[in-house]
Protein backbone atom coordinates (compact mmCIF):
# COMPACT_ATOMS: atom_id res chain seq x y z
CA MET A 1 -13.19 -23.72 40.25
CA THR A 2 -12.76 -20.67 41.67
CA ASP A 3 -14.86 -17.24 40.55
CA THR A 4 -11.48 -15.59 39.66
CA ARG A 5 -10.52 -18.83 37.40
CA LEU A 6 -13.55 -18.81 35.93
CA ALA A 7 -13.20 -15.35 34.88
CA ILE A 8 -9.84 -15.85 33.68
CA ASP A 9 -10.70 -18.66 31.10
CA GLU A 10 -13.71 -16.15 30.23
CA ALA A 11 -11.42 -13.58 29.34
CA LYS A 12 -8.84 -15.77 27.69
CA GLY A 13 -11.52 -17.33 25.47
CA ARG A 14 -13.03 -13.95 24.59
CA ALA A 15 -9.27 -12.43 23.84
CA THR A 16 -9.00 -15.55 21.36
CA ASN A 17 -12.30 -15.06 19.58
CA ALA A 18 -11.04 -11.37 19.31
CA VAL A 19 -7.83 -12.44 17.76
CA ARG A 20 -9.85 -14.76 15.26
CA PHE A 21 -12.19 -12.57 14.47
CA ALA A 22 -9.43 -9.89 13.63
CA LEU A 23 -7.38 -12.39 11.77
CA GLY A 24 -10.42 -13.91 10.04
CA ALA A 25 -11.68 -9.74 9.10
CA ALA A 26 -8.07 -9.07 7.79
CA GLY A 27 -7.69 -12.29 5.61
CA LEU A 28 -11.53 -12.25 4.15
CA THR A 29 -10.45 -8.66 3.44
CA ALA A 30 -7.31 -9.30 1.78
CA LEU A 31 -8.89 -12.30 -0.25
CA ILE A 32 -11.73 -9.90 -1.52
CA ALA A 33 -8.96 -7.36 -2.75
CA GLY A 34 -7.37 -9.81 -4.66
CA ILE A 35 -10.17 -11.47 -6.44
CA LEU A 36 -11.05 -7.84 -7.71
CA ILE A 37 -7.74 -7.10 -8.68
CA LEU A 38 -7.42 -10.19 -10.92
CA ALA A 39 -11.04 -10.38 -11.80
CA ALA A 40 -11.37 -6.60 -12.69
CA PRO A 41 -7.79 -5.20 -12.67
CA SER A 42 -8.50 -1.70 -14.40
CA LYS A 43 -12.00 -1.47 -12.34
CA THR A 44 -10.18 -1.86 -9.19
CA ALA A 45 -7.27 0.48 -10.04
CA GLN A 46 -10.11 3.35 -10.62
CA VAL A 47 -11.52 2.88 -7.06
CA ILE A 48 -8.06 3.10 -5.75
CA ALA A 49 -7.43 6.01 -7.62
CA GLY A 50 -11.16 7.56 -6.66
CA ILE A 51 -9.90 6.72 -3.01
CA ILE A 52 -6.77 8.68 -3.45
CA ALA A 53 -8.44 11.86 -5.26
CA VAL A 54 -11.35 11.81 -2.59
CA TYR A 55 -8.50 12.05 -0.35
CA ALA A 56 -7.10 14.86 -1.65
CA LEU A 57 -10.04 16.77 -1.92
CA ILE A 58 -10.52 16.49 1.47
CA ALA A 59 -7.16 17.22 2.55
CA GLY A 60 -7.25 20.17 0.57
CA LEU A 61 -10.51 21.20 2.19
CA ALA A 62 -9.08 20.67 5.59
CA ASN A 63 -5.47 22.76 4.58
CA ILE A 64 -7.88 25.76 3.51
CA VAL A 65 -9.63 25.42 6.79
CA VAL A 66 -6.59 25.51 8.72
CA ALA A 67 -5.41 28.82 6.59
CA ALA A 68 -8.81 30.52 7.24
CA PHE A 69 -9.21 29.69 10.82
CA THR A 70 -6.06 29.20 12.50
CA LYS A 71 -5.04 32.46 14.44
CA GLY A 72 -1.73 31.36 15.88
CA LYS A 73 -0.14 30.83 12.79
CA ASN A 74 1.77 33.46 10.82
CA THR A 75 0.84 34.80 7.55
CA GLY A 76 3.16 32.96 5.54
CA ALA A 77 2.13 29.72 7.27
CA ARG A 78 -1.46 30.32 6.51
CA VAL A 79 -0.90 31.29 2.74
CA GLY A 80 1.28 28.13 2.49
CA TYR A 81 -1.70 25.52 4.01
CA GLY A 82 -4.30 27.64 1.63
CA ALA A 83 -1.78 27.46 -1.30
CA LEU A 84 -1.44 23.49 -0.44
CA GLY A 85 -5.25 23.10 0.06
CA LEU A 86 -5.97 24.75 -3.30
CA LEU A 87 -3.14 22.34 -5.04
CA PHE A 88 -5.10 19.14 -3.51
CA ILE A 89 -8.49 20.23 -4.62
CA VAL A 90 -7.34 21.13 -7.70
CA ALA A 91 -5.50 17.28 -7.68
CA GLY A 92 -8.63 15.74 -6.70
CA VAL A 93 -10.87 17.23 -9.25
CA LEU A 94 -8.37 16.68 -12.02
CA ALA A 95 -8.07 12.91 -10.53
CA LEU A 96 -12.15 12.63 -10.39
CA GLN A 97 -12.38 13.93 -14.51
CA ASN A 98 -10.44 10.75 -15.87
CA LEU A 99 -10.15 7.70 -13.03
CA SER A 100 -8.68 5.85 -16.14
CA LEU A 101 -5.80 8.38 -16.88
CA PHE A 102 -5.19 9.17 -13.12
CA ALA A 103 -5.17 5.23 -12.41
CA LEU A 104 -2.48 4.91 -15.00
CA GLY A 105 -0.42 7.59 -14.18
CA LEU A 106 -0.31 6.15 -10.66
CA ALA A 107 0.51 2.95 -11.93
CA VAL A 108 3.44 3.98 -14.56
CA THR A 109 4.79 6.31 -11.58
CA LEU A 110 4.97 3.27 -8.94
CA SER A 111 6.32 1.30 -11.52
CA VAL A 112 8.97 3.86 -12.51
CA LEU A 113 9.64 4.15 -8.64
CA VAL A 114 9.99 0.65 -8.10
CA GLY A 115 12.27 -0.18 -10.69
CA VAL A 116 15.07 2.91 -9.31
CA LEU A 117 14.26 1.52 -5.90
CA TRP A 118 15.32 -1.95 -7.20
CA ILE A 119 18.12 -0.47 -9.38
CA ILE A 120 19.95 1.39 -6.49
CA GLU A 121 19.22 -1.90 -4.06
CA GLY A 122 21.71 -4.09 -6.63
CA VAL A 123 24.26 -1.14 -6.80
CA VAL A 124 24.42 -1.12 -3.04
CA SER A 125 24.43 -5.02 -2.94
CA LEU A 126 27.13 -4.75 -4.93
CA THR A 127 29.04 -1.85 -2.65
CA GLN A 128 28.54 -4.39 0.31
CA LEU A 129 30.23 -7.15 -1.58
CA LYS A 130 33.25 -7.60 0.12
CA ASP A 131 31.32 -7.80 3.63
CA ALA A 132 29.05 -10.17 2.53
CA SER A 133 28.82 -13.89 4.03
CA SER A 134 27.92 -15.19 0.17
CA LYS A 135 29.49 -13.13 -2.36
CA VAL A 136 27.87 -15.51 -5.05
CA TRP A 137 24.39 -14.81 -3.82
CA SER A 138 24.95 -11.37 -3.27
CA ILE A 139 26.32 -11.24 -6.76
CA ILE A 140 23.11 -12.88 -8.32
CA PHE A 141 20.67 -10.89 -5.99
CA ALA A 142 22.20 -7.85 -7.47
CA ALA A 143 22.03 -8.57 -11.11
CA LEU A 144 18.23 -9.78 -10.67
CA SER A 145 17.48 -6.52 -8.86
CA VAL A 146 18.99 -4.45 -11.29
CA ILE A 147 18.05 -6.75 -14.25
CA ALA A 148 14.41 -6.35 -13.00
CA GLY A 149 14.78 -2.27 -12.08
CA ILE A 150 16.03 -1.64 -15.87
CA THR A 151 12.76 -3.90 -17.13
CA LEU A 152 10.50 -1.92 -15.38
CA LEU A 153 12.03 1.54 -16.54
CA ILE A 154 12.03 0.40 -20.19
CA SER A 155 8.03 -0.52 -19.74
CA PRO A 156 6.62 0.79 -16.93
CA ILE A 157 3.09 0.38 -18.17
CA TRP A 158 3.82 -3.71 -18.68
CA GLY A 159 6.01 -3.62 -15.25
CA ALA A 160 2.60 -2.21 -13.74
CA VAL A 161 0.68 -4.75 -15.02
CA VAL A 162 2.50 -7.46 -13.99
CA LEU A 163 3.26 -6.10 -10.14
CA TRP A 164 -0.67 -5.15 -9.95
CA TRP A 165 -1.30 -9.24 -11.12
CA LEU A 166 1.51 -10.33 -8.60
CA LEU A 167 -0.38 -8.11 -5.87
CA GLY A 168 -3.59 -9.90 -6.57
CA ILE A 169 -2.42 -13.18 -6.49
CA SER A 170 -0.13 -12.46 -3.31
CA LEU A 171 -3.42 -11.11 -1.51
CA VAL A 172 -5.63 -14.14 -2.65
CA ILE A 173 -3.47 -16.64 -1.30
CA LEU A 174 -2.34 -14.33 1.64
CA GLY A 175 -5.61 -13.88 2.32
CA ALA A 176 -6.58 -17.54 2.22
CA ILE A 177 -3.79 -18.50 4.51
CA GLN A 178 -4.87 -15.87 7.09
CA ILE A 179 -8.55 -17.03 7.43
CA VAL A 180 -7.11 -20.60 7.85
CA ARG A 181 -4.98 -19.27 10.94
CA ALA A 182 -8.12 -17.47 11.85
CA PHE A 183 -9.99 -20.93 12.44
CA LYS A 184 -6.88 -22.82 13.56
CA PHE A 185 -5.67 -19.81 16.32
CA GLY A 186 -6.19 -21.24 19.83
CA ARG A 187 -7.01 -24.52 19.17
């Protein structure tokens, strides 16, 4: 074998190993996150709420720094950045004071948002019925989408719990599959 061929084979091997590592790391991360969600759903939600709260504090400080030290911006922009920074900081502090309540608020907000989106998706599906290749499946999809959306709007806390569990289960399954893919890749 020539030196060039050896170098190409070696580069392919390194690339394959890098992909395996990336797939395995992503799979392991998903698997661990899924297990945490299923084992301690409330605590995991609080950790995520805490991460968002810390992000709000950092974003607030960043906006205040922009407001204070940006010379090229006009006064309105600087006031806007300062006000936005203060709002972020207030939101972050309030969230950190009661992570359970903040996590519940986030869950209910997301549940309502998903419910509204599912209702809209169902209605849009019905408006496209004339062009649908399978009208029966389009009607079934629309009906289920609207029913699921209404269910989430009627009971957003229950809906959030169900969605959280589905996320945990999905992460465990997808994480395990991704780990298997990591071992099988390039073989």
